[in-house]
Amino acid sequence: MVRSYRKQRLNERIKELIGEVVLKRIKDPRIGLVTITSVSVAPDLATAKVYFTVMGDESVRAETRKGLESARSFLRKTLGEELELRQVPDLRFVYDETLDRAMRIDEAIEGFRRDEKKTDGDE
């Protein structure tokens, strides 16, 4: 088992490294302007969920995921070399919906405020 502070450090280091490699070394046209938002390595280090965001609709997300998945072997090799890991986790790419949720909440609040102003203006 990896202690929590070591695991957090590993998560952060993997996040930084994948973000850097995707930005500078992978030239797959399917990968849009992607941001790696977080990484969560399993306790046994066998897998790591790599959360990402990308601007665009569902088709852009799907294409970006395909591009990231096709670069998986290269990313794992790079992680192993750079981080000197005995066991490199299998990478699973997951779209991070946090930004989408925040935007929906903002839109709902803004709609509520507009409705409230209309109601206040009627009185």
Protein backbone atom coordinates (compact mmCIF):
# COMPACT_ATOMS: atom_id res chain seq x y z
CA MET A 1 0.00 0.00 0.00
CA VAL A 2 1.11 3.50 -0.73
CA ARG A 3 0.70 5.98 2.10
CA SER A 4 -1.75 8.78 1.43
CA TYR A 5 0.81 11.60 1.20
CA ARG A 6 2.97 9.57 -1.16
CA LYS A 7 -0.09 8.68 -3.20
CA GLN A 8 -1.14 12.33 -3.40
CA ARG A 9 2.36 13.27 -4.51
CA LEU A 10 2.32 10.49 -7.10
CA ASN A 11 -1.12 11.58 -8.36
CA GLU A 12 0.08 15.16 -8.74
CA ARG A 13 3.35 14.18 -10.43
CA ILE A 14 1.55 11.90 -12.91
CA LYS A 15 -0.96 14.68 -13.64
CA GLU A 16 1.82 17.20 -14.33
CA LEU A 17 3.82 14.81 -16.47
CA ILE A 18 0.88 13.62 -18.59
CA GLY A 19 -0.24 17.22 -19.09
CA GLU A 20 3.23 18.23 -20.21
CA VAL A 21 3.67 15.23 -22.54
CA VAL A 22 0.23 15.67 -24.13
CA LEU A 23 0.89 19.36 -24.71
CA LYS A 24 4.45 19.13 -26.02
CA ARG A 25 5.08 15.66 -27.42
CA ILE A 26 1.84 14.17 -28.72
CA LYS A 27 0.77 15.45 -32.12
CA ASP A 28 -2.48 13.52 -32.52
CA PRO A 29 -4.99 15.82 -34.28
CA ARG A 30 -7.87 14.16 -32.39
CA ILE A 31 -6.62 15.63 -29.14
CA GLY A 32 -8.03 19.10 -28.72
CA LEU A 33 -6.96 21.73 -26.22
CA VAL A 34 -7.04 19.26 -23.35
CA THR A 35 -6.41 19.89 -19.68
CA ILE A 36 -5.55 17.09 -17.27
CA THR A 37 -7.52 18.06 -14.16
CA SER A 38 -6.57 15.26 -11.79
CA VAL A 39 -5.25 11.73 -11.46
CA SER A 40 -6.37 9.06 -9.05
CA VAL A 41 -4.05 6.08 -8.68
CA ALA A 42 -5.60 2.93 -7.23
CA PRO A 43 -4.20 1.79 -3.85
CA ASP A 44 -2.45 -1.19 -5.48
CA LEU A 45 -0.95 1.10 -8.18
CA ALA A 46 -2.38 -1.14 -10.93
CA THR A 47 -4.58 1.53 -12.51
CA ALA A 48 -4.89 5.29 -12.60
CA LYS A 49 -7.90 7.31 -13.63
CA VAL A 50 -6.78 10.36 -15.58
CA TYR A 51 -9.47 13.05 -15.56
CA PHE A 52 -9.46 15.53 -18.41
CA THR A 53 -11.47 18.41 -19.83
CA VAL A 54 -11.58 19.75 -23.36
CA MET A 55 -13.55 22.58 -24.90
CA GLY A 56 -16.22 21.38 -27.29
CA ASP A 57 -19.22 19.14 -27.57
CA GLU A 58 -19.57 15.41 -26.98
CA SER A 59 -17.98 14.52 -30.33
CA VAL A 60 -14.86 16.56 -29.47
CA ARG A 61 -14.68 14.81 -26.08
CA ALA A 62 -15.01 11.41 -27.71
CA GLU A 63 -12.29 12.15 -30.27
CA THR A 64 -9.99 13.51 -27.57
CA ARG A 65 -10.53 10.37 -25.48
CA LYS A 66 -9.69 8.20 -28.51
CA GLY A 67 -6.52 10.20 -29.08
CA LEU A 68 -5.49 9.90 -25.45
CA GLU A 69 -6.20 6.18 -25.46
CA SER A 70 -4.09 5.67 -28.57
CA ALA A 71 -1.22 7.46 -26.77
CA ARG A 72 -1.62 5.28 -23.65
CA SER A 73 1.42 3.07 -24.31
CA PHE A 74 3.63 6.07 -25.00
CA LEU A 75 2.37 7.83 -21.87
CA ARG A 76 2.95 4.74 -19.71
CA LYS A 77 6.47 4.31 -21.09
CA THR A 78 7.23 7.97 -20.41
CA LEU A 79 5.82 7.74 -16.87
CA GLY A 80 7.94 4.69 -16.15
CA GLU A 81 11.10 6.38 -17.40
CA GLU A 82 10.55 9.81 -15.85
CA LEU A 83 9.19 8.67 -12.49
CA GLU A 84 11.30 5.52 -12.26
CA LEU A 85 8.29 3.42 -11.30
CA ARG A 86 8.64 -0.32 -10.87
CA GLN A 87 4.98 -0.73 -11.74
CA VAL A 88 3.42 1.76 -14.12
CA PRO A 89 -0.36 1.96 -13.68
CA ASP A 90 -2.69 1.25 -16.57
CA LEU A 91 -4.22 4.59 -17.57
CA ARG A 92 -7.98 5.06 -17.81
CA PHE A 93 -9.13 8.35 -19.32
CA VAL A 94 -12.29 9.88 -17.84
CA TYR A 95 -13.94 13.11 -18.91
CA ASP A 96 -14.16 15.45 -15.90
CA GLU A 97 -17.71 16.82 -15.77
CA THR A 98 -17.00 19.28 -12.95
CA LEU A 99 -16.77 22.30 -15.26
CA ASP A 100 -19.97 21.33 -17.08
CA ARG A 101 -21.82 20.99 -13.77
CA ALA A 102 -20.52 24.34 -12.55
CA MET A 103 -21.69 26.01 -15.77
CA ARG A 104 -25.17 24.47 -15.42
CA ILE A 105 -25.37 25.69 -11.82
CA ASP A 106 -24.29 29.20 -12.88
CA GLU A 107 -26.92 29.20 -15.64
CA ALA A 108 -29.62 28.10 -13.18
CA ILE A 109 -28.64 30.81 -10.69
CA GLU A 110 -28.60 33.43 -13.44
CA GLY A 111 -32.04 32.27 -14.60
CA PHE A 112 -33.32 32.51 -11.03
CA ARG A 113 -31.94 36.06 -10.72
CA ARG A 114 -33.60 37.11 -14.00
CA ASP A 115 -36.92 35.67 -12.83
CA GLU A 116 -36.52 37.43 -9.48
CA LYS A 117 -35.84 40.78 -11.20
CA LYS A 118 -38.94 40.34 -13.39
CA THR A 119 -41.03 39.60 -10.32
CA ASP A 120 -39.61 42.61 -8.44
CA GLY A 121 -40.28 44.85 -11.44
CA ASP A 122 -43.96 43.82 -11.55
CA GLU A 123 -44.69 45.11 -8.06
